[in-house]
């Protein structure tokens, strides 16, 4: 009986899933919420604000204490000696800074002591900037100027210089910490830091997470000399190696063998970022499948048939743990825009759905760019949504038209701004609150002219880790693992082909509206 274990080091919790590869079912799941279980770190939501504006940090020692708590509980829930492979993921873009003591300490972990006590002396920087930190605008500008423009950075790294990305964060650390930066021997991502802990060695970074740094060259899957040199001096010596997502780093650390009862034969697959891991955990790591999360922000991600970057710089390209590349694009005006229109007319969600159903596709030639707050796809800092149509519509006197135009505008804008990926999805997996609304999902299907299916996978990040571990260590096929563990709704929503021409013309109208923003 073989088990595989997946880890998810997210913003708010450290969680794990154990799957039984013989029976094809989940053995157990467990999570440690940082705020609830580790209140001494004063991070109710897993992070805290720094002294300067827009600084957001987490304490890496908190993550280590959570690991010890997690495995104390896991060993009571299942027989960890049956685990044969481990992999996992960490929140993307976060970074951990370690001194020269790190290399010795990580290979000599003492099971009689806590992880946090042993790693604390290794930190050259006590706190880790995470993906929410946007304090590096100046550093992004400096890197952009050094490279000759964001177009060049995007072509090289898959993204324009982004405040939350690790490269600009490292540059700010170098500029503001003149003593700590030279004393830093290794800079890890959250994922490679966690992988190091589990493997008992200084672990590499995989291409999936490495691409979210503005430092990795997408074509060569190696550190880009120009980007590295523009970021900070002697940086190349401080970065781990980059490897492909199928790389087996080694065996599990003796710390976990002695303390929690693992077999010493457990193999550890390189960890990745949370988004690449979720791509695997949702059964979408092969091209032709797309995942759209309809949440506070709407997110579109997919495995790419070929590696290309967004010429507009709005989308991102990361490595795909299953090989090749994946795209990810965020649309900030997601559920908040839908709720704004609903609340404007004091509608319930049932009334909102009725309004959608009672208004024809194409909304009688009324169109909306539903940007109720600043948007990043495209960049928009205007004062509100852009409307084009009848006077009744433009003056917000028709609830039904406004509601339909909002939903159609969201999905048409999404389609326009994801066409750069050069892929035609055969099926779209949807998740998030709005995915429960069949009328909304039908509009998505009609606009993209693709089948749509609801995801029923919970904990897709940790599950992606368990699947990757089983695939690369234990020779299970990805297809069989997806069939066993990535369950989706049996209902498949088909596109109305008769609406294809109508929406083709509507998208042209949306594109003309976008041109004048």
Protein backbone atom coordinates (compact mmCIF):
# COMPACT_ATOMS: atom_id res chain seq x y z
CA UNK A 1 0.00 0.00 0.00
CA UNK A 2 1.71 3.19 -1.22
CA UNK A 3 0.90 6.71 -0.08
CA UNK A 4 1.94 10.00 -1.64
CA UNK A 5 1.99 13.25 0.33
CA UNK A 6 1.49 16.81 -0.91
CA UNK A 7 2.29 20.02 1.00
CA UNK A 8 0.82 23.52 0.53
CA UNK A 9 2.60 26.42 2.22
CA UNK A 10 0.01 29.12 1.54
CA UNK A 11 -0.42 32.65 2.83
CA UNK A 12 -2.69 31.69 5.73
CA UNK A 13 -1.92 28.06 6.47
CA UNK A 14 0.33 25.04 6.10
CA UNK A 15 -1.65 22.07 4.83
CA UNK A 16 -1.13 18.53 3.62
CA UNK A 17 -2.96 15.78 1.79
CA UNK A 18 -2.12 12.07 1.81
CA UNK A 19 -3.43 9.94 -1.04
CA UNK A 20 -3.61 6.15 -1.31
CA UNK A 21 -2.30 5.20 -4.75
CA UNK A 22 -3.62 1.63 -4.59
CA UNK A 23 -7.18 2.48 -3.61
CA UNK A 24 -7.33 5.76 -5.48
CA UNK A 25 -8.70 7.77 -2.59
CA UNK A 26 -7.68 10.42 -0.08
CA UNK A 27 -6.34 9.03 3.19
CA UNK A 28 -6.46 12.28 5.12
CA UNK A 29 -6.13 16.06 4.92
CA UNK A 30 -4.85 18.39 7.59
CA UNK A 31 -4.18 22.14 7.88
CA UNK A 32 -2.58 24.46 10.41
CA UNK A 33 -4.02 27.97 10.28
CA UNK A 34 -1.26 30.38 11.23
CA UNK A 35 -3.46 32.93 12.98
CA UNK A 36 -5.40 30.38 15.01
CA UNK A 37 -2.64 27.96 15.94
CA UNK A 38 0.37 30.28 16.17
CA UNK A 39 -0.95 33.53 17.69
CA UNK A 40 2.47 34.37 19.12
CA UNK A 41 3.55 35.53 15.66
CA UNK A 42 0.90 38.28 15.62
CA UNK A 43 -0.15 37.36 12.09
CA UNK A 44 -3.92 36.69 12.20
CA UNK A 45 -4.01 36.22 8.43
CA UNK A 46 -0.51 34.85 8.00
CA UNK A 47 1.28 38.17 7.41
CA UNK A 48 1.96 41.57 8.94
CA UNK A 49 2.70 45.06 7.63
CA UNK A 50 6.17 46.56 7.72
CA UNK A 51 7.20 49.99 8.89
CA UNK A 52 7.29 51.49 5.41
CA UNK A 53 4.34 51.90 3.08
CA UNK A 54 3.17 48.79 1.21
CA UNK A 55 5.58 46.42 2.97
CA UNK A 56 4.02 43.02 3.76
CA UNK A 57 5.97 40.26 5.49
CA UNK A 58 5.66 36.78 6.95
CA UNK A 59 7.89 35.12 9.51
CA UNK A 60 9.58 32.00 8.07
CA UNK A 61 9.91 30.61 11.61
CA UNK A 62 6.11 30.57 11.76
CA UNK A 63 6.05 28.32 8.71
CA UNK A 64 8.51 25.96 10.39
CA UNK A 65 6.50 25.79 13.62
CA UNK A 66 3.44 25.06 11.48
CA UNK A 67 5.26 22.14 9.83
CA UNK A 68 5.98 20.58 13.22
CA UNK A 69 2.36 21.06 14.30
CA UNK A 70 1.13 19.67 10.99
CA UNK A 71 3.10 16.45 11.25
CA UNK A 72 2.26 15.92 14.90
CA UNK A 73 -1.36 15.79 13.75
CA UNK A 74 -0.72 13.83 10.56
CA UNK A 75 1.01 10.98 12.37
CA UNK A 76 -2.16 10.55 14.45
CA UNK A 77 -4.36 10.52 11.34
CA UNK A 78 -2.46 8.03 9.21
CA UNK A 79 0.52 5.70 9.09
CA UNK A 80 3.27 7.93 7.72
CA UNK A 81 5.56 4.93 7.22
CA UNK A 82 3.46 4.09 4.15
CA UNK A 83 4.34 7.39 2.45
CA UNK A 84 6.75 6.74 -0.42
CA UNK A 85 6.95 10.16 -2.10
CA UNK A 86 6.56 13.84 -1.19
CA UNK A 87 6.29 17.09 -3.07
CA UNK A 88 4.53 20.37 -2.56
CA UNK A 89 4.32 24.08 -3.19
CA UNK A 90 4.68 27.48 -1.58
CA UNK A 91 3.02 30.83 -2.11
CA UNK A 92 4.66 32.36 -5.16
CA UNK A 93 7.08 35.30 -5.05
CA UNK A 94 7.88 35.11 -1.31
CA UNK A 95 11.59 34.92 -0.47
CA UNK A 96 13.75 33.70 2.44
CA UNK A 97 17.24 35.07 3.17
CA UNK A 98 19.86 32.82 4.79
CA UNK A 99 23.46 33.18 5.95
CA UNK A 100 26.43 30.83 5.61
CA UNK A 101 25.28 28.69 8.55
CA UNK A 102 22.35 27.47 6.46
CA UNK A 103 24.19 24.88 4.38
CA UNK A 104 25.47 23.00 7.43
CA UNK A 105 22.32 23.39 9.52
CA UNK A 106 19.93 22.08 6.86
CA UNK A 107 21.88 18.83 6.51
CA UNK A 108 22.19 18.24 10.26
CA UNK A 109 18.66 18.78 11.59
CA UNK A 110 18.22 17.40 15.11
CA UNK A 111 14.92 15.59 15.69
CA UNK A 112 15.11 16.46 19.41
CA UNK A 113 14.74 20.18 18.60
CA UNK A 114 12.15 22.17 16.71
CA UNK A 115 12.77 23.27 13.14
CA UNK A 116 12.36 26.94 14.01
CA UNK A 117 14.96 26.84 16.79
CA UNK A 118 17.53 25.28 14.46
CA UNK A 119 16.92 27.54 11.46
CA UNK A 120 16.58 30.85 13.34
CA UNK A 121 20.38 31.41 13.54
CA UNK A 122 20.55 30.89 9.76
CA UNK A 123 18.34 33.86 8.85
CA UNK A 124 20.20 36.88 7.52
CA UNK A 125 16.86 38.65 7.24
CA UNK A 126 14.31 37.85 9.96
CA UNK A 127 11.22 38.36 7.81
CA UNK A 128 10.15 37.28 4.33
CA UNK A 129 8.49 39.71 1.90
CA UNK A 130 5.53 37.95 0.27
CA UNK A 131 3.35 38.38 -2.82
CA UNK A 132 1.28 41.14 -1.17
CA UNK A 133 4.30 43.46 -0.83
CA UNK A 134 4.18 46.33 -3.35
CA UNK A 135 6.95 48.51 -1.92
CA UNK A 136 9.35 48.06 -4.87
CA UNK A 137 7.99 50.43 -7.51
CA UNK A 138 11.30 52.32 -7.69
CA UNK A 139 13.27 49.09 -7.97
CA UNK A 140 11.04 47.92 -10.83
CA UNK A 141 11.75 51.19 -12.62
CA UNK A 142 15.50 50.81 -12.07
CA UNK A 143 15.55 47.26 -13.40
CA UNK A 144 13.40 48.28 -16.37
CA UNK A 145 15.70 51.17 -17.22
CA UNK A 146 18.79 48.98 -16.94
CA UNK A 147 17.34 46.41 -19.36
CA UNK A 148 16.05 48.98 -21.83
CA UNK A 149 12.32 48.65 -21.28
CA UNK A 150 9.61 46.36 -19.99
CA UNK A 151 9.24 44.75 -23.41
CA UNK A 152 12.68 43.24 -23.05
CA UNK A 153 12.04 42.07 -19.48
CA UNK A 154 8.76 40.48 -20.53
CA UNK A 155 10.35 38.68 -23.47
CA UNK A 156 13.12 37.38 -21.25
CA UNK A 157 11.26 36.49 -18.06
CA UNK A 158 7.61 36.13 -19.10
CA UNK A 159 6.43 39.18 -17.14
CA UNK A 160 7.17 42.88 -16.97
CA UNK A 161 8.92 44.04 -13.80
CA UNK A 162 6.34 43.49 -11.04
CA UNK A 163 6.54 44.89 -7.49
CA UNK A 164 5.66 41.61 -5.80
CA UNK A 165 8.12 39.55 -7.86
CA UNK A 166 11.26 38.35 -6.13
CA UNK A 167 13.85 40.18 -8.25
CA UNK A 168 12.66 43.69 -7.36
CA UNK A 169 12.26 42.55 -3.73
CA UNK A 170 15.90 41.38 -3.68
CA UNK A 171 17.05 44.68 -5.16
CA UNK A 172 15.28 46.64 -2.44
CA UNK A 173 16.85 44.44 0.23
CA UNK A 174 20.29 45.04 -1.29
CA UNK A 175 19.74 48.82 -1.31
CA UNK A 176 18.29 49.12 2.18
CA UNK A 177 20.28 46.44 4.05
CA UNK A 178 23.92 47.18 3.32
CA UNK A 179 25.17 44.81 6.04
CA UNK A 180 22.59 42.01 5.78
CA UNK A 181 22.77 41.57 1.99
CA UNK A 182 26.55 40.75 1.91
CA UNK A 183 25.96 38.32 4.79
CA UNK A 184 23.30 36.50 2.78
CA UNK A 185 24.65 33.27 1.32
CA UNK A 186 21.40 31.90 -0.12
CA UNK A 187 18.09 33.41 -1.21
CA UNK A 188 15.29 30.88 -1.45
CA UNK A 189 11.71 31.07 -2.60
CA UNK A 190 9.10 29.78 -0.17
CA UNK A 191 8.83 26.61 -2.25
CA UNK A 192 12.56 25.84 -2.37
CA UNK A 193 12.94 26.75 1.32
CA UNK A 194 10.26 24.22 2.25
CA UNK A 195 11.74 21.63 -0.10
CA UNK A 196 15.11 22.13 1.57
CA UNK A 197 13.55 21.46 4.97
CA UNK A 198 11.95 18.21 3.82
CA UNK A 199 14.96 16.95 1.88
CA UNK A 200 17.60 18.01 4.39
CA UNK A 201 19.68 19.76 1.75
CA UNK A 202 19.91 23.06 -0.09
CA UNK A 203 17.18 22.46 -2.67
CA UNK A 204 16.91 23.91 -6.18
CA UNK A 205 14.12 26.07 -7.56
CA UNK A 206 11.85 24.61 -10.24
CA UNK A 207 11.01 26.46 -13.45
CA UNK A 208 7.40 26.91 -12.36
CA UNK A 209 8.28 29.09 -9.40
CA UNK A 210 11.54 30.43 -10.79
CA UNK A 211 9.66 32.16 -13.59
CA UNK A 212 7.84 34.33 -11.05
CA UNK A 213 10.97 36.23 -10.09
CA UNK A 214 11.85 38.50 -13.06
CA UNK A 215 15.20 36.68 -13.00
CA UNK A 216 14.80 33.47 -15.03
CA UNK A 217 15.15 33.34 -18.80
CA UNK A 218 12.11 31.53 -20.23
CA UNK A 219 13.95 30.19 -23.27
CA UNK A 220 16.94 28.71 -21.48
CA UNK A 221 15.32 27.98 -18.08
CA UNK A 222 18.44 29.41 -16.44
CA UNK A 223 19.17 32.61 -14.57
CA UNK A 224 19.33 35.48 -17.05
CA UNK A 225 22.65 37.31 -16.81
CA UNK A 226 21.21 40.71 -17.70
CA UNK A 227 18.34 40.48 -15.22
CA UNK A 228 20.56 39.14 -12.44
CA UNK A 229 23.17 41.87 -12.92
CA UNK A 230 20.51 44.60 -13.01
CA UNK A 231 19.03 43.35 -9.74
CA UNK A 232 21.92 43.15 -7.26
CA UNK A 233 25.69 42.49 -7.16
CA UNK A 234 26.94 38.93 -6.62
CA UNK A 235 23.35 37.72 -6.82
CA UNK A 236 24.07 34.68 -8.97
CA UNK A 237 26.15 33.15 -6.16
CA UNK A 238 23.22 33.53 -3.77
CA UNK A 239 20.59 31.81 -5.94
CA UNK A 240 19.89 28.05 -6.01
CA UNK A 241 20.07 26.10 -9.24
CA UNK A 242 17.02 25.91 -11.51
CA UNK A 243 15.64 22.47 -12.43
CA UNK A 244 12.66 21.00 -14.24
CA UNK A 245 9.54 20.07 -12.29
CA UNK A 246 10.11 16.30 -12.50
CA UNK A 247 13.45 16.49 -10.66
CA UNK A 248 13.87 14.21 -7.65
CA UNK A 249 15.88 16.22 -5.14
CA UNK A 250 16.74 13.27 -2.90
CA UNK A 251 15.46 11.35 0.11
CA UNK A 252 13.53 12.76 3.04
CA UNK A 253 15.50 14.35 5.88
CA UNK A 254 16.32 12.13 8.87
CA UNK A 255 14.53 14.73 10.98
CA UNK A 256 11.17 13.49 9.67
CA UNK A 257 12.19 9.85 9.76
CA UNK A 258 13.13 9.93 13.43
CA UNK A 259 10.47 12.38 14.62
CA UNK A 260 7.38 11.39 12.65
CA UNK A 261 7.94 7.81 11.52
CA UNK A 262 8.61 8.22 7.80
CA UNK A 263 10.56 5.58 5.93
CA UNK A 264 14.08 6.69 5.08
CA UNK A 265 13.37 5.63 1.48
CA UNK A 266 10.83 8.43 0.84
CA UNK A 267 11.76 10.44 -2.26
CA UNK A 268 11.26 14.21 -2.47
CA UNK A 269 10.33 15.87 -5.78
CA UNK A 270 11.30 19.51 -6.19
CA UNK A 271 8.59 21.84 -4.87
CA UNK A 272 6.92 24.47 -7.09
CA UNK A 273 4.75 27.57 -6.77
CA UNK A 274 1.14 27.39 -5.67
CA UNK A 275 -0.27 28.31 -9.08
CA UNK A 276 1.76 25.74 -11.05
CA UNK A 277 0.89 23.11 -8.44
CA UNK A 278 -2.80 23.99 -8.69
CA UNK A 279 -2.57 23.53 -12.46
CA UNK A 280 -1.59 19.90 -11.82
CA UNK A 281 -4.13 19.45 -9.03
CA UNK A 282 -6.98 20.56 -11.27
CA UNK A 283 -6.00 18.15 -14.08
CA UNK A 284 -5.13 21.04 -16.39
CA UNK A 285 -1.38 20.68 -16.83
CA UNK A 286 -1.68 19.55 -20.44
CA UNK A 287 -2.57 22.00 -23.26
CA UNK A 288 -6.20 22.46 -24.41
CA UNK A 289 -7.48 22.71 -20.83
CA UNK A 290 -8.05 26.04 -19.10
CA UNK A 291 -8.92 26.92 -15.51
CA UNK A 292 -10.89 30.06 -14.70
CA UNK A 293 -11.37 31.01 -11.07
CA UNK A 294 -14.27 33.40 -10.54
CA UNK A 295 -13.47 34.96 -7.20
CA UNK A 296 -12.71 38.38 -5.78
CA UNK A 297 -10.44 38.65 -8.77
CA UNK A 298 -11.04 36.47 -11.81
CA UNK A 299 -7.99 34.38 -12.73
CA UNK A 300 -7.28 32.60 -16.00
CA UNK A 301 -4.50 30.01 -16.16
CA UNK A 302 -3.58 27.23 -18.54
CA UNK A 303 -0.84 25.02 -19.90
CA UNK A 304 0.59 26.63 -23.03
CA UNK A 305 1.20 24.76 -26.31
CA UNK A 306 4.25 26.98 -26.90
CA UNK A 307 6.15 29.51 -24.82
CA UNK A 308 5.16 33.05 -25.74
CA UNK A 309 4.89 36.19 -23.61
CA UNK A 310 2.11 38.77 -23.49
CA UNK A 311 3.09 41.65 -25.82
CA UNK A 312 1.03 43.98 -23.64
CA UNK A 313 2.70 42.84 -20.44
CA UNK A 314 -0.57 42.15 -18.59
CA UNK A 315 -0.25 38.37 -18.34
CA UNK A 316 2.46 36.15 -16.89
CA UNK A 317 4.27 33.03 -18.02
CA UNK A 318 5.55 30.47 -15.51
CA UNK A 319 7.08 27.05 -15.95
CA UNK A 320 4.66 24.14 -16.08
CA UNK A 321 5.68 21.38 -13.64
CA UNK A 322 4.51 18.86 -16.23
CA UNK A 323 6.79 20.37 -18.86
CA UNK A 324 6.75 23.49 -21.01
CA UNK A 325 5.07 26.66 -19.80
CA UNK A 326 1.84 27.86 -18.25
CA UNK A 327 0.13 31.21 -18.43
CA UNK A 328 -1.59 33.13 -15.68
CA UNK A 329 -3.57 36.32 -15.95
CA UNK A 330 -5.51 38.17 -13.29
CA UNK A 331 -8.56 40.41 -13.75
CA UNK A 332 -9.09 42.49 -10.63
CA UNK A 333 -12.71 43.39 -11.36
CA UNK A 334 -14.21 40.00 -10.56
CA UNK A 335 -16.87 39.32 -7.96
CA UNK A 336 -16.73 42.89 -6.63
CA UNK A 337 -17.87 44.18 -10.02
CA UNK A 338 -20.69 41.65 -10.18
CA UNK A 339 -21.74 42.56 -6.65
CA UNK A 340 -21.60 46.28 -7.42
CA UNK A 341 -24.14 45.96 -10.22
CA UNK A 342 -26.36 43.68 -8.15
CA UNK A 343 -26.31 46.02 -5.17
CA UNK A 344 -26.83 49.12 -7.29
CA UNK A 345 -30.33 47.89 -8.08
CA UNK A 346 -30.83 46.24 -4.68
CA UNK A 347 -31.24 42.87 -6.40
CA UNK A 348 -30.88 39.46 -4.82
CA UNK A 349 -28.70 36.92 -6.61
CA UNK A 350 -31.87 35.18 -7.84
CA UNK A 351 -33.05 38.45 -9.36
CA UNK A 352 -29.59 38.97 -10.83
CA UNK A 353 -29.80 35.55 -12.51
CA UNK A 354 -33.34 36.21 -13.77
CA UNK A 355 -32.13 39.47 -15.33
CA UNK A 356 -29.39 37.59 -17.18
CA UNK A 357 -31.86 35.01 -18.45
CA UNK A 358 -34.39 37.61 -19.58
CA UNK A 359 -31.87 39.66 -21.61
CA UNK A 360 -30.74 38.34 -25.01
CA UNK A 361 -27.11 37.44 -25.83
CA UNK A 362 -25.28 40.51 -27.04
CA UNK A 363 -27.41 42.68 -24.73
CA UNK A 364 -29.16 44.39 -27.65
CA UNK A 365 -25.92 46.10 -28.67
CA UNK A 366 -25.10 47.52 -25.22
CA UNK A 367 -21.53 46.99 -24.06
CA UNK A 368 -19.65 47.53 -20.81
CA UNK A 369 -16.04 47.46 -19.68
CA UNK A 370 -16.94 46.70 -16.05
CA UNK A 371 -13.95 48.34 -14.37
CA UNK A 372 -15.43 49.55 -11.11
CA UNK A 373 -11.96 49.75 -9.54
CA UNK A 374 -8.43 49.94 -10.99
CA UNK A 375 -7.73 47.09 -13.39
CA UNK A 376 -4.49 45.35 -14.45
CA UNK A 377 -5.81 43.53 -17.54
CA UNK A 378 -5.74 46.07 -19.14
CA UNK A 379 -4.08 48.76 -17.04
CA UNK A 380 -6.88 51.14 -16.14
CA UNK A 381 -7.06 53.76 -13.42
CA UNK A 382 -10.23 55.50 -14.55
CA UNK A 383 -13.13 56.61 -12.39
CA UNK A 384 -15.55 53.84 -13.30
CA UNK A 385 -16.85 51.46 -15.96
CA UNK A 386 -17.03 52.40 -19.63
CA UNK A 387 -20.46 52.04 -21.29
CA UNK A 388 -21.51 52.15 -24.92
CA UNK A 389 -25.08 51.75 -26.08
CA UNK A 390 -28.52 53.26 -25.71
CA UNK A 391 -29.16 56.27 -23.49
CA UNK A 392 -31.25 54.10 -21.15
CA UNK A 393 -28.28 51.78 -20.74
CA UNK A 394 -25.61 54.47 -20.45
CA UNK A 395 -27.62 56.24 -17.76
CA UNK A 396 -28.03 53.06 -15.71
CA UNK A 397 -31.81 53.06 -16.04
CA UNK A 398 -32.08 49.42 -17.09
CA UNK A 399 -31.04 46.85 -14.46
CA UNK A 400 -31.34 43.97 -16.88
CA UNK A 401 -29.12 45.54 -19.52
CA UNK A 402 -26.51 46.57 -16.92
CA UNK A 403 -26.35 43.09 -15.42
CA UNK A 404 -26.04 41.30 -18.75
CA UNK A 405 -23.51 43.81 -20.09
CA UNK A 406 -21.40 43.44 -16.95
CA UNK A 407 -21.09 39.66 -17.25
CA UNK A 408 -20.58 39.70 -20.99
CA UNK A 409 -18.05 42.53 -20.67
CA UNK A 410 -16.03 40.60 -18.10
CA UNK A 411 -15.74 37.49 -20.26
CA UNK A 412 -15.18 39.33 -23.53
CA UNK A 413 -12.42 41.40 -21.93
CA UNK A 414 -10.95 38.17 -20.59
CA UNK A 415 -11.01 36.59 -24.03
CA UNK A 416 -9.43 39.61 -25.71
CA UNK A 417 -6.64 39.74 -23.17
CA UNK A 418 -5.84 36.02 -23.19
CA UNK A 419 -5.69 35.55 -26.98
CA UNK A 420 -1.92 36.21 -26.80
CA UNK A 421 -1.56 32.71 -25.34
CA UNK A 422 -2.26 31.28 -28.81
CA UNK A 423 -4.45 28.49 -27.51
CA UNK A 424 -8.02 27.43 -28.13
CA UNK A 425 -9.37 25.68 -25.02
CA UNK A 426 -11.34 22.50 -25.64
CA UNK A 427 -12.65 22.58 -22.09
CA UNK A 428 -12.69 25.23 -19.37
CA UNK A 429 -12.71 24.17 -15.73
CA UNK A 430 -14.36 26.77 -13.51
CA UNK A 431 -14.20 27.31 -9.79
CA UNK A 432 -15.03 30.10 -7.34
CA UNK A 433 -18.31 31.55 -6.14
CA UNK A 434 -19.77 32.61 -9.49
CA UNK A 435 -19.09 29.17 -10.99
CA UNK A 436 -22.15 27.90 -9.14
CA UNK A 437 -24.38 30.08 -11.32
CA UNK A 438 -25.24 28.07 -14.44
CA UNK A 439 -26.51 31.13 -16.33
CA UNK A 440 -23.19 32.94 -15.85
CA UNK A 441 -21.26 29.84 -16.91
CA UNK A 442 -23.37 29.45 -20.03
CA UNK A 443 -22.38 32.97 -21.09
CA UNK A 444 -18.72 32.07 -20.50
CA UNK A 445 -19.15 28.97 -22.65
CA UNK A 446 -20.82 30.93 -25.45
CA UNK A 447 -18.19 33.66 -25.55
CA UNK A 448 -15.22 31.26 -25.54
CA UNK A 449 -17.11 28.65 -27.62
CA UNK A 450 -15.80 25.89 -25.36
CA UNK A 451 -17.21 23.24 -23.05
CA UNK A 452 -17.29 24.28 -19.39
CA UNK A 453 -17.14 21.99 -16.38
CA UNK A 454 -17.16 22.87 -12.68
CA UNK A 455 -14.20 21.83 -10.59
CA UNK A 456 -14.97 19.80 -7.49
CA UNK A 457 -11.34 19.49 -6.35
CA UNK A 458 -10.60 20.92 -2.92
CA UNK A 459 -7.04 21.71 -1.93
CA UNK A 460 -5.75 21.61 -5.50
CA UNK A 461 -2.31 22.97 -4.52
CA UNK A 462 -1.48 20.20 -2.03
CA UNK A 463 -3.12 17.62 -4.31
CA UNK A 464 -0.90 18.80 -7.16
CA UNK A 465 2.11 18.10 -4.96
CA UNK A 466 0.92 14.58 -4.13
CA UNK A 467 0.20 13.85 -7.79
CA UNK A 468 3.61 15.13 -8.93
CA UNK A 469 5.35 13.05 -6.29
CA UNK A 470 3.51 9.90 -7.36
CA UNK A 471 4.12 10.57 -11.04
CA UNK A 472 7.84 11.25 -10.85
CA UNK A 473 8.90 8.95 -8.00
CA UNK A 474 6.53 6.02 -8.31
CA UNK A 475 5.92 5.89 -12.08
CA UNK A 476 2.18 6.47 -11.96
CA UNK A 477 0.84 8.03 -15.14
CA UNK A 478 -0.51 11.56 -14.92
CA UNK A 479 -3.70 10.46 -16.68
CA UNK A 480 -4.45 7.73 -14.13
CA UNK A 481 -3.76 10.06 -11.21
CA UNK A 482 -6.05 12.73 -12.66
CA UNK A 483 -8.80 10.14 -13.18
CA UNK A 484 -8.52 8.94 -9.58
CA UNK A 485 -8.16 12.20 -7.69
CA UNK A 486 -9.26 15.18 -9.83
CA UNK A 487 -13.02 14.79 -9.74
CA UNK A 488 -15.14 17.31 -11.62
CA UNK A 489 -18.85 17.84 -11.99
CA UNK A 490 -20.51 15.39 -14.35
CA UNK A 491 -22.41 18.29 -15.92
CA UNK A 492 -20.76 19.71 -19.03
CA UNK A 493 -22.11 23.02 -20.28
CA UNK A 494 -21.96 23.20 -24.07
CA UNK A 495 -21.61 26.43 -26.06
CA UNK A 496 -24.46 27.65 -28.25
CA UNK A 497 -22.82 27.64 -31.67
CA UNK A 498 -25.56 29.90 -32.98
CA UNK A 499 -24.18 32.69 -30.75
CA UNK A 500 -20.65 32.48 -32.15
CA UNK A 501 -21.03 35.14 -34.85
CA UNK A 502 -22.95 37.44 -32.51
CA UNK A 503 -20.18 37.38 -29.92
CA UNK A 504 -17.46 37.71 -32.55
CA UNK A 505 -18.98 41.06 -33.51
CA UNK A 506 -19.51 42.02 -29.87
CA UNK A 507 -15.85 41.34 -29.11
CA UNK A 508 -14.89 43.70 -31.94
CA UNK A 509 -16.93 46.41 -30.21
CA UNK A 510 -15.21 45.69 -26.90
CA UNK A 511 -11.81 45.91 -28.60
CA UNK A 512 -12.69 49.31 -30.04
CA UNK A 513 -13.70 50.51 -26.56
CA UNK A 514 -10.41 49.25 -25.11
CA UNK A 515 -8.42 51.20 -27.69
CA UNK A 516 -9.58 54.55 -26.32
CA UNK A 517 -8.91 53.87 -22.63
